[in-house]
Protein backbone atom coordinates (compact mmCIF):
# COMPACT_ATOMS: atom_id res chain seq x y z
CA ARG A 1 14.65 -25.91 -3.45
CA ARG A 2 14.96 -21.89 -3.08
CA ASP A 3 14.19 -19.75 -5.31
CA PRO A 4 14.21 -16.22 -4.94
CA LEU A 5 10.79 -14.35 -5.48
CA LEU A 6 11.03 -11.28 -6.78
CA LEU A 7 8.67 -8.68 -6.12
CA ASP A 8 8.48 -5.05 -9.13
CA VAL A 9 5.92 -2.87 -7.18
CA SER A 10 6.33 -0.39 -9.99
CA GLY A 11 4.73 -1.05 -13.09
CA ALA A 12 1.51 -3.02 -13.51
CA ALA A 13 1.43 -5.78 -10.84
CA GLY A 14 2.48 -2.63 -8.43
CA HIS A 15 -0.80 -3.90 -6.13
CA LEU A 16 0.22 -7.59 -3.52
CA ALA A 17 -2.16 -9.31 -2.38
CA VAL A 18 -0.94 -12.74 -0.36
CA VAL A 19 -3.86 -15.37 0.62
CA GLY A 20 -3.43 -18.11 2.68
CA GLY A 21 -4.58 -20.00 5.51
CA PRO A 22 -4.56 -18.98 8.93
CA ARG A 23 -0.57 -19.18 10.06
CA SER A 24 0.43 -19.97 6.66
CA GLY A 25 3.06 -16.80 6.37
CA LYS A 26 1.11 -14.03 5.25
CA SER A 27 2.30 -11.33 7.68
CA THR A 28 5.98 -12.61 7.55
CA THR A 29 5.60 -12.02 3.66
CA LEU A 30 3.66 -8.82 4.60
CA LEU A 31 7.04 -7.90 6.40
CA THR A 32 9.69 -9.01 4.08
CA ALA A 33 8.09 -7.11 1.33
CA VAL A 34 8.79 -3.85 3.44
CA LEU A 35 11.84 -4.75 5.09
CA GLY A 36 13.05 -5.83 1.83
CA LEU A 37 11.64 -2.17 0.13
CA ALA A 38 12.72 0.07 3.04
CA LEU A 39 16.79 -1.78 2.15
CA THR A 40 16.03 -0.64 -1.26
CA HIS A 41 14.55 3.03 -0.86
CA THR A 42 14.92 5.83 0.55
CA PRO A 43 12.18 7.79 2.47
CA ALA A 44 11.27 9.91 0.40
CA GLU A 45 10.98 7.30 -2.55
CA LEU A 46 9.24 5.62 -0.31
CA GLY A 47 6.66 6.14 2.49
CA VAL A 48 4.14 2.94 4.16
CA HIS A 49 1.52 2.74 5.99
CA VAL A 50 -0.13 0.18 7.72
CA LEU A 51 -2.87 -0.98 8.83
CA ASP A 52 -2.39 -4.61 10.96
CA PHE A 53 -4.97 -6.67 11.80
CA GLY A 54 -3.02 -10.05 11.62
CA GLY A 55 -2.24 -9.72 15.23
CA GLY A 56 0.65 -7.63 15.29
CA ALA A 57 3.56 -8.85 13.45
CA LEU A 58 3.73 -5.44 11.59
CA THR A 59 4.07 -3.53 14.73
CA PRO A 60 7.51 -3.51 14.76
CA LEU A 61 7.64 -2.01 11.18
CA GLY A 62 6.91 1.56 12.87
CA GLY A 63 10.84 1.83 13.57
CA LEU A 64 11.43 2.44 10.50
CA PRO A 65 12.03 6.47 8.91
CA HIS A 66 9.13 5.39 5.60
CA VAL A 67 6.47 3.92 8.27
CA GLY A 68 4.11 7.20 8.66
CA THR A 69 1.26 5.07 10.38
CA VAL A 70 1.20 1.67 11.82
CA ALA A 71 -2.58 1.30 13.27
CA ASP A 72 -4.37 -1.95 14.89
CA ARG A 73 -8.76 -2.44 15.42
CA LEU A 74 -8.50 -1.13 18.67
CA GLN A 75 -7.72 3.01 16.81
CA PRO A 76 -10.16 3.14 14.88
CA ASP A 77 -9.67 6.64 14.70
CA LEU A 78 -6.06 6.00 13.07
CA VAL A 79 -7.30 3.58 11.29
CA ARG A 80 -9.74 5.56 9.05
CA ARG A 81 -7.79 8.76 9.11
CA THR A 82 -5.09 6.60 7.51
CA VAL A 83 -7.12 5.40 4.88
CA ALA A 84 -9.05 8.64 4.38
CA GLU A 85 -5.07 9.98 3.93
CA ILE A 86 -3.92 7.85 1.40
CA ALA A 87 -7.46 8.79 -1.14
CA ALA A 88 -6.98 12.52 -0.24
CA LEU A 89 -3.13 11.73 -1.55
CA LEU A 90 -4.43 10.31 -4.54
CA ALA A 91 -6.53 13.14 -5.45
CA ARG A 92 -4.26 14.88 -4.65
CA ARG A 93 -1.48 13.26 -6.88
CA GLU A 94 -4.12 13.57 -9.53
CA ARG A 95 -4.35 17.47 -9.58
CA LEU A 96 -0.86 17.70 -9.43
CA PHE A 97 -0.32 15.65 -12.45
CA ARG A 98 -2.90 17.56 -14.29
CA ASP A 99 -1.93 20.74 -13.34
CA ALA A 100 1.93 20.36 -13.57
CA GLY A 101 2.22 18.60 -16.91
CA VAL A 102 3.18 15.19 -15.64
CA ALA A 103 3.29 12.78 -18.64
CA GLY A 104 2.65 9.27 -15.86
CA ILE A 105 4.40 7.71 -12.79
CA GLU A 106 7.86 7.54 -14.62
CA ALA A 107 8.07 10.99 -15.42
CA PHE A 108 6.51 11.87 -11.81
CA ARG A 109 10.37 9.52 -10.36
CA SER A 110 11.63 10.73 -12.99
CA ARG A 111 10.87 15.06 -11.99
CA ARG A 112 11.16 13.97 -7.84
CA ALA A 113 14.60 12.19 -8.73
CA ALA A 114 15.78 15.55 -10.18
CA GLY A 115 14.33 17.45 -7.35
CA GLU A 116 10.73 18.54 -8.14
CA PHE A 117 7.83 18.32 -6.10
CA ALA A 118 9.50 18.06 -2.61
CA ALA A 119 6.43 19.34 -0.85
CA GLU A 120 5.09 15.60 -1.64
CA PRO A 121 6.18 13.10 1.48
CA ALA A 122 7.39 10.72 -0.45
CA THR A 123 7.27 9.18 -4.61
CA ASP A 124 5.03 6.20 -4.32
CA VAL A 125 3.44 5.42 -0.67
CA LEU A 126 2.30 1.72 0.41
CA LEU A 127 -0.63 1.44 1.85
CA VAL A 128 -0.37 -2.23 3.51
CA VAL A 129 -3.55 -3.83 5.52
CA ASP A 130 -3.09 -7.03 7.18
CA GLY A 131 -6.47 -8.91 7.49
CA TYR A 132 -8.76 -7.63 4.74
CA LEU A 133 -12.08 -9.78 6.17
CA THR A 134 -11.13 -7.46 9.40
CA LEU A 135 -11.74 -4.26 7.17
CA ARG A 136 -14.25 -4.99 5.42
CA HIS A 137 -16.08 -6.63 8.41
CA ASP A 138 -14.66 -3.65 11.71
CA PHE A 139 -14.77 -0.92 8.83
CA GLU A 140 -17.15 -1.80 5.92
CA ASP A 141 -17.13 1.61 4.79
CA LEU A 142 -13.70 2.12 4.34
CA GLU A 143 -13.71 -0.84 1.73
CA THR A 144 -15.73 1.63 -1.01
CA ARG A 145 -12.85 4.38 -0.37
CA LEU A 146 -10.34 1.44 -1.00
CA LEU A 147 -11.67 0.60 -4.34
CA PRO A 148 -10.85 3.78 -6.33
CA VAL A 149 -6.85 3.53 -4.69
CA ALA A 150 -6.72 0.02 -6.38
CA ALA A 151 -8.00 1.23 -9.68
CA GLN A 152 -6.81 4.47 -10.09
CA GLY A 153 -3.68 4.01 -7.29
CA LEU A 154 -1.14 2.52 -9.70
CA SER A 155 -0.50 5.73 -12.01
CA PHE A 156 0.00 8.65 -9.82
CA GLY A 157 2.39 6.06 -7.36
CA VAL A 158 -0.21 4.65 -4.56
CA HIS A 159 0.08 1.25 -3.82
CA LEU A 160 -2.18 -1.42 -1.63
CA ALA A 161 -0.57 -4.80 -0.03
CA VAL A 162 -3.44 -6.88 1.59
CA THR A 163 -3.55 -10.05 2.97
CA ALA A 164 -6.63 -12.24 2.96
CA GLY A 165 -6.67 -16.09 4.56
CA ARG A 166 -9.76 -17.11 1.11
CA TRP A 167 -9.94 -15.37 -2.30
CA SER A 168 -13.62 -15.23 -2.02
CA GLU A 169 -13.20 -12.47 0.67
CA LEU A 170 -11.84 -10.04 -1.70
CA ARG A 171 -14.55 -9.14 -4.15
CA PRO A 172 -14.15 -10.27 -7.87
CA ALA A 173 -13.33 -6.43 -8.82
CA PHE A 174 -11.23 -5.97 -6.25
CA LYS A 175 -9.22 -8.84 -6.90
CA ASP A 176 -8.90 -8.55 -10.35
CA LEU A 177 -6.05 -5.31 -9.95
CA PHE A 178 -3.90 -7.16 -7.59
CA GLY A 179 -1.31 -8.08 -10.60
CA SER A 180 1.19 -9.44 -7.75
CA ARG A 181 -0.25 -12.95 -5.86
């Protein structure tokens, strides 16, 4: 039996966690999700940044116009810059919503579609972390920067998609913020 799996990241289930053992298809699931989103959204509607700690399976995403960054563990400066950019985007969006009187993400999406906020690179932004345990071990300081993104990001169009080998790799406060599993 092959039922379609529908993923709607526009609402409360906007963060995605894929958990499974080695070679179980975690990276393939993320690849499929990003490709599906790229087929149904323009680069103005969706921007993607990828931290590929899963063996390079997501490297081909770098050819998509939606994708701004694909970094791996051998590029620590790029990994740090990517997370810093996402954190800065969240802070900028929070100010923008307040200053422009944007009532929520749905209003922002509507106003962007009508031509407002042209300076924003994309309406929704997705940070993909393939191999969350590597981020925790090799980039300990970055994990604390992702918690506010997970907690507040959906309100401002900033989404996370992560893979892990076991649920215990994700801290409980972080894990509970993922509506799509």
